[in-house]
PDB file of N, CA and C in Angstrom:
ATOM      1  N   MET A   1    -172.448 267.586  36.796  1.00  0.00           N
ATOM      2  CA  MET A   1    -172.859 266.715  35.727  1.00  0.00           C
ATOM      3  C   MET A   1    -171.927 265.510  35.664  1.00  0.00           C
ATOM      4  N   GLY A   2    -172.474 264.378  35.863  1.00  0.00           N
ATOM      5  CA  GLY A   2    -171.729 263.135  35.788  1.00  0.00           C
ATOM      6  C   GLY A   2    -171.854 262.515  34.416  1.00  0.00           C
ATOM      7  N   PRO A   3    -171.137 261.432  34.183  1.00  0.00           N
ATOM      8  CA  PRO A   3    -171.234 260.766  32.878  1.00  0.00           C
ATOM      9  C   PRO A   3    -172.623 260.141  32.702  1.00  0.00           C
ATOM     10  N   SER A   4    -173.096 260.174  31.497  1.00  0.00           N
ATOM     11  CA  SER A   4    -174.412 259.609  31.213  1.00  0.00           C
ATOM     12  C   SER A   4    -174.319 258.088  31.164  1.00  0.00           C
ATOM     13  N   PRO A   5    -175.462 257.397  31.268  1.00  0.00           N
ATOM     14  CA  PRO A   5    -175.449 255.938  31.198  1.00  0.00           C
ATOM     15  C   PRO A   5    -174.868 255.417  29.881  1.00  0.00           C
ATOM     16  N   TRP A   6    -175.079 256.143  28.775  1.00  0.00           N
ATOM     17  CA  TRP A   6    -174.524 255.720  27.494  1.00  0.00           C
ATOM     18  C   TRP A   6    -172.997 255.795  27.502  1.00  0.00           C
ATOM     19  N   GLN A   7    -172.453 256.808  28.086  1.00  0.00           N
ATOM     20  CA  GLN A   7    -170.996 256.940  28.164  1.00  0.00           C
ATOM     21  C   GLN A   7    -170.394 255.810  28.997  1.00  0.00           C
ATOM     22  N   ILE A   8    -171.045 255.504  30.102  1.00  0.00           N
ATOM     23  CA  ILE A   8    -170.580 254.409  30.963  1.00  0.00           C
ATOM     24  C   ILE A   8    -170.648 253.088  30.202  1.00  0.00           C
ATOM     25  N   ALA A   9    -171.747 252.872  29.476  1.00  0.00           N
ATOM     26  CA  ALA A   9    -171.922 251.627  28.716  1.00  0.00           C
ATOM     27  C   ALA A   9    -170.829 251.489  27.646  1.00  0.00           C
ATOM     28  N   VAL A  10    -170.521 252.570  26.950  1.00  0.00           N
ATOM     29  CA  VAL A  10    -169.493 252.531  25.910  1.00  0.00           C
ATOM     30  C   VAL A  10    -168.137 252.198  26.531  1.00  0.00           C
ATOM     31  N   VAL A  11    -167.812 252.814  27.656  1.00  0.00           N
ATOM     32  CA  VAL A  11    -166.541 252.554  28.325  1.00  0.00           C
ATOM     33  C   VAL A  11    -166.469 251.096  28.783  1.00  0.00           C
ATOM     34  N   VAL A  12    -167.558 250.581  29.325  1.00  0.00           N
ATOM     35  CA  VAL A  12    -167.587 249.191  29.792  1.00  0.00           C
ATOM     36  C   VAL A  12    -167.424 248.230  28.620  1.00  0.00           C
ATOM     37  N   VAL A  13    -168.111 248.476  27.517  1.00  0.00           N
ATOM     38  CA  VAL A  13    -168.006 247.613  26.345  1.00  0.00           C
ATOM     39  C   VAL A  13    -166.575 247.637  25.788  1.00  0.00           C
ATOM     40  N   LEU A  14    -165.993 248.820  25.690  1.00  0.00           N
ATOM     41  CA  LEU A  14    -164.615 248.909  25.214  1.00  0.00           C
ATOM     42  C   LEU A  14    -163.652 248.180  26.133  1.00  0.00           C
ATOM     43  N   ALA A  15    -163.834 248.331  27.432  1.00  0.00           N
ATOM     44  CA  ALA A  15    -162.963 247.652  28.389  1.00  0.00           C
ATOM     45  C   ALA A  15    -163.097 246.136  28.258  1.00  0.00           C
ATOM     46  N   LEU A  16    -164.318 245.646  28.087  1.00  0.00           N
ATOM     47  CA  LEU A  16    -164.525 244.199  27.926  1.00  0.00           C
ATOM     48  C   LEU A  16    -163.893 243.691  26.628  1.00  0.00           C
ATOM     49  N   LEU A  17    -164.018 244.466  25.561  1.00  0.00           N
ATOM     50  CA  LEU A  17    -163.427 244.043  24.294  1.00  0.00           C
ATOM     51  C   LEU A  17    -161.898 244.018  24.364  1.00  0.00           C
ATOM     52  N   LEU A  18    -161.321 245.028  24.998  1.00  0.00           N
ATOM     53  CA  LEU A  18    -159.867 245.126  25.036  1.00  0.00           C
ATOM     54  C   LEU A  18    -159.233 244.200  26.059  1.00  0.00           C
ATOM     55  N   PHE A  19    -159.809 244.110  27.234  1.00  0.00           N
ATOM     56  CA  PHE A  19    -159.180 243.374  28.318  1.00  0.00           C
ATOM     57  C   PHE A  19    -159.911 242.101  28.719  1.00  0.00           C
ATOM     58  N   GLY A  20    -160.959 241.767  28.003  1.00  0.00           N
ATOM     59  CA  GLY A  20    -161.749 240.591  28.343  1.00  0.00           C
ATOM     60  C   GLY A  20    -161.023 239.299  28.006  1.00  0.00           C
ATOM     61  N   GLY A  21    -161.660 238.171  28.283  1.00  0.00           N
ATOM     62  CA  GLY A  21    -161.061 236.864  28.066  1.00  0.00           C
ATOM     63  C   GLY A  21    -160.652 236.616  26.628  1.00  0.00           C
ATOM     64  N   ARG A  22    -161.398 237.119  25.680  1.00  0.00           N
ATOM     65  CA  ARG A  22    -161.064 236.906  24.268  1.00  0.00           C
ATOM     66  C   ARG A  22    -160.748 238.223  23.568  1.00  0.00           C
ATOM     67  N   GLY A  23    -160.336 239.212  24.339  1.00  0.00           N
ATOM     68  CA  GLY A  23    -160.016 240.509  23.755  1.00  0.00           C
ATOM     69  C   GLY A  23    -158.738 240.472  22.950  1.00  0.00           C
ATOM     70  N   ARG A  24    -158.595 241.402  22.077  1.00  0.00           N
ATOM     71  CA  ARG A  24    -157.435 241.440  21.190  1.00  0.00           C
ATOM     72  C   ARG A  24    -156.157 241.714  21.966  1.00  0.00           C
ATOM     73  N   ILE A  25    -156.213 242.649  22.893  1.00  0.00           N
ATOM     74  CA  ILE A  25    -154.998 242.998  23.631  1.00  0.00           C
ATOM     75  C   ILE A  25    -154.531 241.830  24.483  1.00  0.00           C
ATOM     76  N   SER A  26    -155.446 241.120  25.129  1.00  0.00           N
ATOM     77  CA  SER A  26    -155.020 240.001  25.967  1.00  0.00           C
ATOM     78  C   SER A  26    -154.368 238.900  25.133  1.00  0.00           C
ATOM     79  N   SER A  27    -154.886 238.641  23.946  1.00  0.00           N
ATOM     80  CA  SER A  27    -154.260 237.617  23.095  1.00  0.00           C
ATOM     81  C   SER A  27    -152.925 238.110  22.542  1.00  0.00           C
ATOM     82  N   ILE A  28    -152.848 239.393  22.216  1.00  0.00           N
ATOM     83  CA  ILE A  28    -151.572 239.945  21.736  1.00  0.00           C
ATOM     84  C   ILE A  28    -150.525 239.864  22.836  1.00  0.00           C
ATOM     85  N   MET A  29    -150.902 240.220  24.046  1.00  0.00           N
ATOM     86  CA  MET A  29    -149.960 240.173  25.159  1.00  0.00           C
ATOM     87  C   MET A  29    -149.553 238.723  25.460  1.00  0.00           C
ATOM     88  N   GLY A  30    -150.490 237.794  25.316  1.00  0.00           N
ATOM     89  CA  GLY A  30    -150.168 236.380  25.510  1.00  0.00           C
ATOM     90  C   GLY A  30    -149.150 235.906  24.481  1.00  0.00           C
ATOM     91  N   ASP A  31    -149.354 236.305  23.226  1.00  0.00           N
ATOM     92  CA  ASP A  31    -148.400 235.947  22.173  1.00  0.00           C
ATOM     93  C   ASP A  31    -147.049 236.598  22.421  1.00  0.00           C
ATOM     94  N   PHE A  32    -147.066 237.830  22.893  1.00  0.00           N
ATOM     95  CA  PHE A  32    -145.825 238.537  23.198  1.00  0.00           C
ATOM     96  C   PHE A  32    -145.062 237.817  24.314  1.00  0.00           C
ATOM     97  N   ALA A  33    -145.784 237.387  25.344  1.00  0.00           N
ATOM     98  CA  ALA A  33    -145.150 236.668  26.456  1.00  0.00           C
ATOM     99  C   ALA A  33    -144.558 235.338  25.968  1.00  0.00           C
ATOM    100  N   LYS A  34    -145.272 234.636  25.108  1.00  0.00           N
ATOM    101  CA  LYS A  34    -144.746 233.384  24.551  1.00  0.00           C
ATOM    102  C   LYS A  34    -143.481 233.634  23.748  1.00  0.00           C
ATOM    103  N   GLY A  35    -143.467 234.730  23.007  1.00  0.00           N
ATOM    104  CA  GLY A  35    -142.283 235.075  22.225  1.00  0.00           C
ATOM    105  C   GLY A  35    -141.076 235.351  23.119  1.00  0.00           C
ATOM    106  N   ILE A  36    -141.310 236.063  24.217  1.00  0.00           N
ATOM    107  CA  ILE A  36    -140.215 236.352  25.151  1.00  0.00           C
ATOM    108  C   ILE A  36    -139.695 235.068  25.774  1.00  0.00           C
ATOM    109  N   LYS A  37    -140.600 234.186  26.190  1.00  0.00           N
ATOM    110  CA  LYS A  37    -140.180 232.914  26.779  1.00  0.00           C
ATOM    111  C   LYS A  37    -139.381 232.094  25.771  1.00  0.00           C
ATOM    112  N   SER A  38    -139.837 232.065  24.541  1.00  0.00           N
ATOM    113  CA  SER A  38    -139.136 231.316  23.503  1.00  0.00           C
ATOM    114  C   SER A  38    -137.748 231.902  23.258  1.00  0.00           C
ATOM    115  N   PHE A  39    -137.651 233.220  23.246  1.00  0.00           N
ATOM    116  CA  PHE A  39    -136.366 233.881  23.057  1.00  0.00           C
ATOM    117  C   PHE A  39    -135.414 233.542  24.191  1.00  0.00           C
ATOM    118  N   ARG A  40    -135.894 233.608  25.421  1.00  0.00           N
ATOM    119  CA  ARG A  40    -135.049 233.282  26.573  1.00  0.00           C
ATOM    120  C   ARG A  40    -134.578 231.839  26.524  1.00  0.00           C
ATOM    121  N   LYS A  41    -135.488 230.933  26.165  1.00  0.00           N
ATOM    122  CA  LYS A  41    -135.115 229.523  26.073  1.00  0.00           C
ATOM    123  C   LYS A  41    -134.058 229.321  24.990  1.00  0.00           C
ATOM    124  N   GLY A  42    -134.219 230.002  23.864  1.00  0.00           N
ATOM    125  CA  GLY A  42    -133.239 229.909  22.794  1.00  0.00           C
ATOM    126  C   GLY A  42    -131.880 230.424  23.228  1.00  0.00           C
ATOM    127  N   MET A  43    -131.868 231.512  23.983  1.00  0.00           N
ATOM    128  CA  MET A  43    -130.600 232.060  24.477  1.00  0.00           C
ATOM    129  C   MET A  43    -129.940 231.081  25.446  1.00  0.00           C
ATOM    130  N   GLU A  44    -130.725 230.457  26.329  1.00  0.00           N
ATOM    131  CA  GLU A  44    -130.171 229.481  27.273  1.00  0.00           C
ATOM    132  C   GLU A  44    -129.615 228.273  26.532  1.00  0.00           C
ATOM    133  N   ASP A  45    -130.343 227.805  25.518  1.00  0.00           N
ATOM    134  CA  ASP A  45    -129.868 226.659  24.730  1.00  0.00           C
ATOM    135  C   ASP A  45    -128.557 226.999  24.028  1.00  0.00           C
ATOM    136  N   GLU A  46    -128.469 228.224  23.499  1.00  0.00           N
ATOM    137  CA  GLU A  46    -127.249 228.634  22.811  1.00  0.00           C
ATOM    138  C   GLU A  46    -126.077 228.714  23.789  1.00  0.00           C
ATOM    139  N   GLU A  47    -126.335 229.253  24.985  1.00  0.00           N
ATOM    140  CA  GLU A  47    -125.272 229.344  25.993  1.00  0.00           C
ATOM    141  C   GLU A  47    -124.802 227.950  26.409  1.00  0.00           C
ATOM    142  N   LYS A  48    -125.741 227.024  26.562  1.00  0.00           N
ATOM    143  CA  LYS A  48    -125.372 225.655  26.927  1.00  0.00           C
ATOM    144  C   LYS A  48    -124.546 225.014  25.819  1.00  0.00           C
ATOM    145  N   ALA A  49    -124.919 225.253  24.567  1.00  0.00           N
ATOM    146  CA  ALA A  49    -124.180 224.684  23.446  1.00  0.00           C
ATOM    147  C   ALA A  49    -122.762 225.257  23.389  1.00  0.00           C
ATOM    148  N   LEU A  50    -122.643 226.563  23.612  1.00  0.00           N
ATOM    149  CA  LEU A  50    -121.311 227.180  23.610  1.00  0.00           C
ATOM    150  C   LEU A  50    -120.458 226.653  24.751  1.00  0.00           C
ATOM    151  N   ALA A  51    -121.067 226.467  25.925  1.00  0.00           N
ATOM    152  CA  ALA A  51    -120.319 225.932  27.072  1.00  0.00           C
ATOM    153  C   ALA A  51    -119.877 224.500  26.788  1.00  0.00           C
ATOM    154  N   SER A  52    -120.744 223.725  26.163  1.00  0.00           N
ATOM    155  CA  SER A  52    -120.405 222.345  25.820  1.00  0.00           C
ATOM    156  C   SER A  52    -119.246 222.302  24.822  1.00  0.00           C
ATOM    157  N   GLU A  53    -119.282 223.178  23.816  1.00  0.00           N
ATOM    158  CA  GLU A  53    -118.200 223.231  22.835  1.00  0.00           C
ATOM    159  C   GLU A  53    -116.890 223.638  23.506  1.00  0.00           C
ATOM    160  N   LYS A  54    -116.957 224.593  24.422  1.00  0.00           N
ATOM    161  CA  LYS A  54    -115.754 225.043  25.114  1.00  0.00           C
ATOM    162  C   LYS A  54    -115.170 223.913  25.961  1.00  0.00           C
ATOM    163  N   GLU A  55    -116.035 223.143  26.635  1.00  0.00           N
ATOM    164  CA  GLU A  55    -115.560 222.003  27.424  1.00  0.00           C
ATOM    165  C   GLU A  55    -114.870 220.981  26.530  1.00  0.00           C
ATOM    166  N   LYS A  56    -115.441 220.719  25.362  1.00  0.00           N
ATOM    167  CA  LYS A  56    -114.834 219.758  24.434  1.00  0.00           C
ATOM    168  C   LYS A  56    -113.477 220.261  23.949  1.00  0.00           C
ATOM    169  N   GLU A  57    -113.402 221.561  23.649  1.00  0.00           N
ATOM    170  CA  GLU A  57    -112.128 222.119  23.205  1.00  0.00           C
ATOM    171  C   GLU A  57    -111.083 222.046  24.312  1.00  0.00           C
ATOM    172  N   ASP A  58    -111.496 222.368  25.543  1.00  0.00           N
ATOM    173  CA  ASP A  58    -110.569 222.286  26.675  1.00  0.00           C
ATOM    174  C   ASP A  58    -110.088 220.854  26.887  1.00  0.00           C
ATOM    175  N   GLU A  59    -111.017 219.906  26.772  1.00  0.00           N
ATOM    176  CA  GLU A  59    -110.671 218.496  26.941  1.00  0.00           C
ATOM    177  C   GLU A  59    -109.706 218.049  25.849  1.00  0.00           C
ATOM    178  N   ALA A  60    -109.940 218.482  24.620  1.00  0.00           N
ATOM    179  CA  ALA A  60    -109.067 218.126  23.508  1.00  0.00           C
ATOM    180  C   ALA A  60    -107.682 218.746  23.699  1.00  0.00           C
ATOM    181  N   ALA A  61    -107.639 219.991  24.168  1.00  0.00           N
ATOM    182  CA  ALA A  61    -106.355 220.655  24.402  1.00  0.00           C
ATOM    183  C   ALA A  61    -105.587 219.942  25.511  1.00  0.00           C
ATOM    184  N   THR A  62    -106.272 219.530  26.563  1.00  0.00           N
ATOM    185  CA  THR A  62    -105.627 218.815  27.659  1.00  0.00           C
ATOM    186  C   THR A  62    -105.082 217.478  27.172  1.00  0.00           C
ATOM    187  N   THR A  63    -105.855 216.774  26.385  1.00  0.00           N
ATOM    188  CA  THR A  63    -105.417 215.489  25.845  1.00  0.00           C
ATOM    189  C   THR A  63    -104.210 215.675  24.936  1.00  0.00           C
ATOM    190  N   LEU A  64    -104.249 216.694  24.084  1.00  0.00           N
ATOM    191  CA  LEU A  64    -103.142 216.966  23.176  1.00  0.00           C
ATOM    192  C   LEU A  64    -101.872 217.313  23.952  1.00  0.00           C
ATOM    193  N   LYS A  65    -102.028 218.123  24.987  1.00  0.00           N
ATOM    194  CA  LYS A  65    -100.875 218.509  25.799  1.00  0.00           C
ATOM    195  C   LYS A  65    -100.288 217.288  26.502  1.00  0.00           C
ATOM    196  N   ALA A  66    -101.135 216.399  27.011  1.00  0.00           N
ATOM    197  CA  ALA A  66    -100.659 215.185  27.679  1.00  0.00           C
ATOM    198  C   ALA A  66     -99.899 214.305  26.695  1.00  0.00           C
ATOM    199  N   GLU A  67    -100.385 214.214  25.464  1.00  0.00           N
ATOM    200  CA  GLU A  67     -99.693 213.422  24.450  1.00  0.00           C
ATOM    201  C   GLU A  67     -98.339 214.038  24.112  1.00  0.00           C
ATOM    202  N   GLU A  68     -98.271 215.366  24.054  1.00  0.00           N
ATOM    203  CA  GLU A  68     -97.006 216.036  23.770  1.00  0.00           C
ATOM    204  C   GLU A  68     -95.990 215.769  24.874  1.00  0.00           C
ATOM    205  N   VAL A  69     -96.448 215.788  26.120  1.00  0.00           N
ATOM    206  CA  VAL A  69     -95.564 215.511  27.246  1.00  0.00           C
ATOM    207  C   VAL A  69     -95.042 214.082  27.161  1.00  0.00           C
ATOM    208  N   LYS A  70     -95.893 213.133  26.818  1.00  0.00           N
ATOM    209  CA  LYS A  70     -95.462 211.742  26.683  1.00  0.00           C
ATOM    210  C   LYS A  70     -94.429 211.598  25.588  1.00  0.00           C
ATOM    211  N   VAL A  71     -94.635 212.291  24.467  1.00  0.00           N
ATOM    212  CA  VAL A  71     -93.680 212.214  23.359  1.00  0.00           C
ATOM    213  C   VAL A  71     -92.345 212.800  23.797  1.00  0.00           C
ATOM    214  N   GLU A  72     -92.368 213.932  24.488  1.00  0.00           N
ATOM    215  CA  GLU A  72     -91.127 214.542  24.965  1.00  0.00           C
ATOM    216  C   GLU A  72     -90.403 213.616  25.938  1.00  0.00           C
ATOM    217  N   GLU A  73     -91.155 212.986  26.867  1.00  0.00           N
ATOM    218  CA  GLU A  73     -90.530 212.070  27.828  1.00  0.00           C
ATOM    219  C   GLU A  73     -89.923 210.873  27.111  1.00  0.00           C
ATOM    220  N   THR A  74     -90.613 210.357  26.112  1.00  0.00           N
ATOM    221  CA  THR A  74     -90.118 209.223  25.341  1.00  0.00           C
ATOM    222  C   THR A  74     -88.842 209.620  24.595  1.00  0.00           C
ATOM    223  N   THR A  75     -88.850 210.822  24.018  1.00  0.00           N
ATOM    224  CA  THR A  75     -87.690 211.303  23.282  1.00  0.00           C
ATOM    225  C   THR A  75     -86.496 211.486  24.223  1.00  0.00           C
ATOM    226  N   LYS A  76     -86.735 212.059  25.388  1.00  0.00           N
ATOM    227  CA  LYS A  76     -85.653 212.265  26.359  1.00  0.00           C
ATOM    228  C   LYS A  76     -85.125 210.924  26.871  1.00  0.00           C
ATOM    229  N   ALA A  77     -86.026 209.974  27.089  1.00  0.00           N
ATOM    230  CA  ALA A  77     -85.621 208.672  27.624  1.00  0.00           C
ATOM    231  C   ALA A  77     -84.784 207.901  26.604  1.00  0.00           C
ATOM    232  N   SER A  78     -85.084 208.042  25.328  1.00  0.00           N
ATOM    233  CA  SER A  78     -84.341 207.295  24.320  1.00  0.00           C
ATOM    234  C   SER A  78     -83.020 207.988  23.959  1.00  0.00           C
ATOM    235  N   SER A  79     -82.832 209.231  24.404  1.00  0.00           N
ATOM    236  CA  SER A  79     -81.572 209.924  24.102  1.00  0.00           C
ATOM    237  C   SER A  79     -80.470 209.558  25.014  1.00  0.00           C
TER     238      SER A  79
END
């Protein structure tokens, strides 16, 4: 005994509704994928911002250290 034509029709209709072009699952999965992409982009933007801040801090520390060395040299030279 195989499946009846009605059983096959019900399975086909359900499959079309769930996985079809305008099915609920396909739109949910599309929204889920967009959310993941947005999350990844946000994480990359945050990492870039943190790296930029770290570069600025390093640059400021280097500049400050260079100024301290100049002050020390000036102090030693005038002594």
